[in-house]
């Protein structure tokens, strides 16, 4: 089996044979008889803007991080959304992987900084997709709505170039910068990622599998 074929398979977390993922893909790309690049772009926006970005209250159990659970719940943060996107493109025969990096987020709210323990966020997730003979890194994470609230320009993807980080906000202030690259993975390395999050950001967890309650939207509005 070629590496590309292997990276189109279902996995524990990229469970695209589930009804939830199949329905999500069918709504996002009802016409699949188009170039892979167009399908990948449409799915990018479906995940970016159709799945609410929210770190607070996020379910980090094994079940909660499966693509089917993300599609069913309709919300999650970078790991959830990247898992769903990687699963969706695989369902259409487009090879994908998950990528994990540590980033410095200069525009996090004061509360989130306190809970994180600074401005470095461990195990930020994005996705790697194979299109037109090239591997691209893309981040279908921060929705256009959330970007407007935090005065950022939404991160667009054209299927031809990487779409990785928002380097600046609308006022030219640095937003996200790469600190460390953990590499690429064929499936979610659950114990490594969730264990790393718990260790680095212990105050975020009300229990071992769920982030404490709150609202990014409320924090953006100063509520």
Protein backbone atom coordinates (compact mmCIF):
# COMPACT_ATOMS: atom_id res chain seq x y z
CA UNK A 1 0.00 0.00 0.00
CA UNK A 2 1.36 3.43 -0.93
CA UNK A 3 1.79 6.08 1.78
CA UNK A 4 -0.92 8.18 0.14
CA UNK A 5 -3.39 5.28 0.23
CA UNK A 6 -2.60 4.65 3.89
CA UNK A 7 -3.34 8.29 4.65
CA UNK A 8 -6.84 7.91 3.24
CA UNK A 9 -7.80 5.15 5.68
CA UNK A 10 -10.19 5.44 8.60
CA UNK A 11 -8.66 5.47 12.06
CA UNK A 12 -9.93 5.53 15.61
CA UNK A 13 -10.33 9.31 15.54
CA UNK A 14 -10.69 9.95 11.80
CA UNK A 15 -13.84 7.84 11.64
CA UNK A 16 -15.25 9.17 8.40
CA UNK A 17 -17.44 6.12 7.84
CA UNK A 18 -19.68 7.35 10.63
CA UNK A 19 -23.08 8.77 9.76
CA UNK A 20 -22.20 12.11 11.38
CA UNK A 21 -19.13 12.70 9.21
CA UNK A 22 -20.77 11.41 6.04
CA UNK A 23 -23.71 13.78 6.59
CA UNK A 24 -21.38 16.71 7.29
CA UNK A 25 -19.45 16.05 4.06
CA UNK A 26 -22.64 15.63 2.04
CA UNK A 27 -23.91 19.01 3.22
CA UNK A 28 -20.58 20.75 2.59
CA UNK A 29 -19.84 19.23 -0.84
CA UNK A 30 -23.03 17.83 -2.39
CA UNK A 31 -21.25 17.62 -5.77
CA UNK A 32 -18.08 15.56 -5.34
CA UNK A 33 -17.38 15.25 -9.09
CA UNK A 34 -15.00 18.19 -8.94
CA UNK A 35 -11.22 18.59 -8.52
CA UNK A 36 -9.83 17.61 -5.13
CA UNK A 37 -8.59 21.14 -4.59
CA UNK A 38 -12.11 22.58 -4.82
CA UNK A 39 -13.48 19.92 -2.49
CA UNK A 40 -10.71 20.51 0.07
CA UNK A 41 -11.35 24.25 0.00
CA UNK A 42 -15.11 23.86 0.45
CA UNK A 43 -14.57 21.49 3.37
CA UNK A 44 -12.07 23.91 4.90
CA UNK A 45 -14.70 26.64 5.09
CA UNK A 46 -17.38 24.20 6.24
CA UNK A 47 -15.21 23.24 9.22
CA UNK A 48 -13.79 26.72 9.86
CA UNK A 49 -17.14 28.46 9.95
CA UNK A 50 -19.62 25.61 10.45
CA UNK A 51 -18.06 24.23 13.63
CA UNK A 52 -18.01 26.72 16.50
CA UNK A 53 -14.54 27.38 17.92
CA UNK A 54 -14.66 27.11 21.70
CA UNK A 55 -11.94 25.95 24.06
CA UNK A 56 -14.06 26.24 27.23
CA UNK A 57 -16.08 23.17 28.10
CA UNK A 58 -14.34 21.15 25.36
CA UNK A 59 -14.60 17.37 25.64
CA UNK A 60 -11.14 15.78 25.56
CA UNK A 61 -12.24 12.20 26.18
CA UNK A 62 -11.36 9.61 23.55
CA UNK A 63 -14.97 9.56 22.37
CA UNK A 64 -15.21 13.35 22.41
CA UNK A 65 -12.22 13.77 20.11
CA UNK A 66 -13.48 11.48 17.35
CA UNK A 67 -14.52 13.25 14.16
CA UNK A 68 -18.03 11.83 14.47
CA UNK A 69 -18.46 13.41 17.92
CA UNK A 70 -17.17 16.79 16.68
CA UNK A 71 -19.58 16.78 13.75
CA UNK A 72 -22.45 15.80 16.03
CA UNK A 73 -21.65 18.42 18.69
CA UNK A 74 -20.82 21.23 16.24
CA UNK A 75 -18.16 22.80 18.43
CA UNK A 76 -14.63 22.33 19.70
CA UNK A 77 -11.20 23.89 19.53
CA UNK A 78 -8.18 23.34 17.30
CA UNK A 79 -7.79 19.60 17.92
CA UNK A 80 -11.47 18.84 17.38
CA UNK A 81 -11.70 20.92 14.22
CA UNK A 82 -8.47 19.58 12.71
CA UNK A 83 -9.54 16.00 13.41
CA UNK A 84 -12.84 16.63 11.65
CA UNK A 85 -11.22 18.30 8.63
CA UNK A 86 -8.61 15.54 8.23
CA UNK A 87 -11.40 12.98 8.42
CA UNK A 88 -13.60 14.78 5.90
CA UNK A 89 -10.94 15.08 3.21
CA UNK A 90 -9.92 11.44 3.69
CA UNK A 91 -13.52 10.43 3.06
CA UNK A 92 -13.11 11.86 -0.46
CA UNK A 93 -9.79 10.12 -1.09
CA UNK A 94 -7.58 13.11 -0.25
CA UNK A 95 -4.60 12.06 1.94
CA UNK A 96 -4.30 13.92 5.22
CA UNK A 97 -2.39 14.02 8.50
CA UNK A 98 -2.63 15.89 11.77
CA UNK A 99 0.10 18.35 12.77
CA UNK A 100 0.84 19.50 16.33
CA UNK A 101 2.83 22.58 17.26
CA UNK A 102 3.38 24.83 20.26
CA UNK A 103 2.47 28.47 19.58
CA UNK A 104 2.74 31.80 21.33
CA UNK A 105 -0.62 33.56 21.27
CA UNK A 106 -0.17 37.25 22.03
CA UNK A 107 -3.87 38.12 21.98
CA UNK A 108 -5.33 35.62 24.42
CA UNK A 109 -7.72 37.07 26.98
CA UNK A 110 -6.36 37.75 30.49
CA UNK A 111 -8.45 34.89 31.89
CA UNK A 112 -7.21 32.41 29.29
CA UNK A 113 -3.61 33.48 29.87
CA UNK A 114 -4.02 32.82 33.58
CA UNK A 115 -5.49 29.39 32.96
CA UNK A 116 -2.89 28.48 30.36
CA UNK A 117 -0.08 29.76 32.54
CA UNK A 118 1.29 32.30 30.05
CA UNK A 119 1.00 32.87 26.33
CA UNK A 120 2.46 29.60 25.00
CA UNK A 121 -0.20 27.05 24.05
CA UNK A 122 1.00 23.45 23.77
CA UNK A 123 -0.19 21.03 21.11
CA UNK A 124 -2.02 23.45 18.85
CA UNK A 125 -3.47 21.34 16.02
CA UNK A 126 -3.66 21.89 12.29
CA UNK A 127 -3.97 19.64 9.24
CA UNK A 128 -1.74 18.53 6.39
CA UNK A 129 -3.44 17.70 3.06
CA UNK A 130 -2.08 16.38 -0.24
CA UNK A 131 -3.33 18.34 -3.25
CA UNK A 132 -2.03 18.48 -6.82
CA UNK A 133 1.10 16.56 -5.90
CA UNK A 134 2.02 18.79 -2.95
CA UNK A 135 1.57 18.69 0.81
CA UNK A 136 -0.05 21.79 2.29
CA UNK A 137 -0.54 22.76 5.93
CA UNK A 138 -3.91 24.33 6.71
CA UNK A 139 -5.68 25.51 9.86
CA UNK A 140 -9.51 25.40 9.61
CA UNK A 141 -9.81 26.56 13.20
CA UNK A 142 -10.72 30.19 13.94
CA UNK A 143 -14.13 30.99 12.47
CA UNK A 144 -14.83 34.24 10.64
CA UNK A 145 -17.26 35.19 13.42
CA UNK A 146 -14.67 34.73 16.16
CA UNK A 147 -12.07 36.58 14.10
CA UNK A 148 -14.38 39.58 13.82
CA UNK A 149 -14.89 39.61 17.58
CA UNK A 150 -11.14 39.48 18.21
CA UNK A 151 -10.43 41.94 15.37
CA UNK A 152 -8.46 39.49 13.27
CA UNK A 153 -8.60 38.91 9.54
CA UNK A 154 -9.97 35.40 8.89
CA UNK A 155 -7.45 32.91 7.55
CA UNK A 156 -8.41 31.92 4.00
CA UNK A 157 -7.36 28.85 2.01
CA UNK A 158 -7.20 28.58 -1.79
CA UNK A 159 -6.00 25.00 -2.07
CA UNK A 160 -2.70 26.11 -3.60
CA UNK A 161 -0.69 27.50 -0.68
CA UNK A 162 -0.31 26.86 3.04
CA UNK A 163 -2.82 28.56 5.33
CA UNK A 164 -1.28 28.09 8.75
CA UNK A 165 -1.29 31.01 11.20
CA UNK A 166 -2.76 34.47 11.66
CA UNK A 167 0.56 36.32 12.07
CA UNK A 168 -1.07 39.72 12.78
CA UNK A 169 -4.41 41.15 13.84
CA UNK A 170 -6.22 43.99 12.05
CA UNK A 171 -4.03 46.55 13.80
CA UNK A 172 -0.78 44.86 12.84
CA UNK A 173 -0.09 43.36 16.25
CA UNK A 174 1.54 39.94 16.36
CA UNK A 175 -1.06 37.24 17.01
CA UNK A 176 0.42 33.73 16.74
CA UNK A 177 3.99 32.57 16.29
CA UNK A 178 5.44 29.08 16.09
CA UNK A 179 7.47 27.98 19.10
CA UNK A 180 7.93 24.25 18.49
CA UNK A 181 6.86 21.74 15.83
CA UNK A 182 5.93 18.29 17.17
CA UNK A 183 5.54 16.88 13.65
CA UNK A 184 2.93 15.05 11.61
CA UNK A 185 0.75 12.12 12.66
CA UNK A 186 -1.45 9.67 10.78
CA UNK A 187 -4.00 9.70 13.62
CA UNK A 188 -4.46 11.65 16.84
CA UNK A 189 -1.74 10.53 19.33
CA UNK A 190 -4.26 10.78 22.13
CA UNK A 191 -2.15 10.02 25.19
CA UNK A 192 0.72 12.25 24.06
CA UNK A 193 -1.46 15.23 23.18
CA UNK A 194 -4.04 15.12 25.97
CA UNK A 195 -1.41 14.16 28.54
CA UNK A 196 0.75 17.04 27.34
CA UNK A 197 -2.13 19.49 27.61
CA UNK A 198 -2.98 18.39 31.13
CA UNK A 199 0.65 18.68 32.19
CA UNK A 200 1.29 22.07 30.59
CA UNK A 201 -2.09 23.70 31.28
CA UNK A 202 -3.41 21.96 34.40
CA UNK A 203 -5.58 24.91 35.44
CA UNK A 204 -7.69 24.53 32.29
CA UNK A 205 -9.11 21.21 33.39
CA UNK A 206 -12.10 20.85 35.68
CA UNK A 207 -11.68 17.10 35.34
CA UNK A 208 -9.22 14.95 33.37
CA UNK A 209 -11.27 14.96 30.16
CA UNK A 210 -12.97 18.34 30.02
CA UNK A 211 -11.82 21.95 29.88
CA UNK A 212 -13.37 24.26 32.47
CA UNK A 213 -16.48 26.29 31.59
CA UNK A 214 -16.41 29.71 29.99
CA UNK A 215 -16.99 31.51 26.70
CA UNK A 216 -14.51 33.01 24.24
CA UNK A 217 -17.32 35.09 22.75
CA UNK A 218 -18.16 36.56 26.16
CA UNK A 219 -14.50 37.30 26.85
CA UNK A 220 -14.16 39.04 23.47
CA UNK A 221 -17.18 41.19 24.35
CA UNK A 222 -15.76 41.95 27.79
CA UNK A 223 -18.64 40.22 29.55
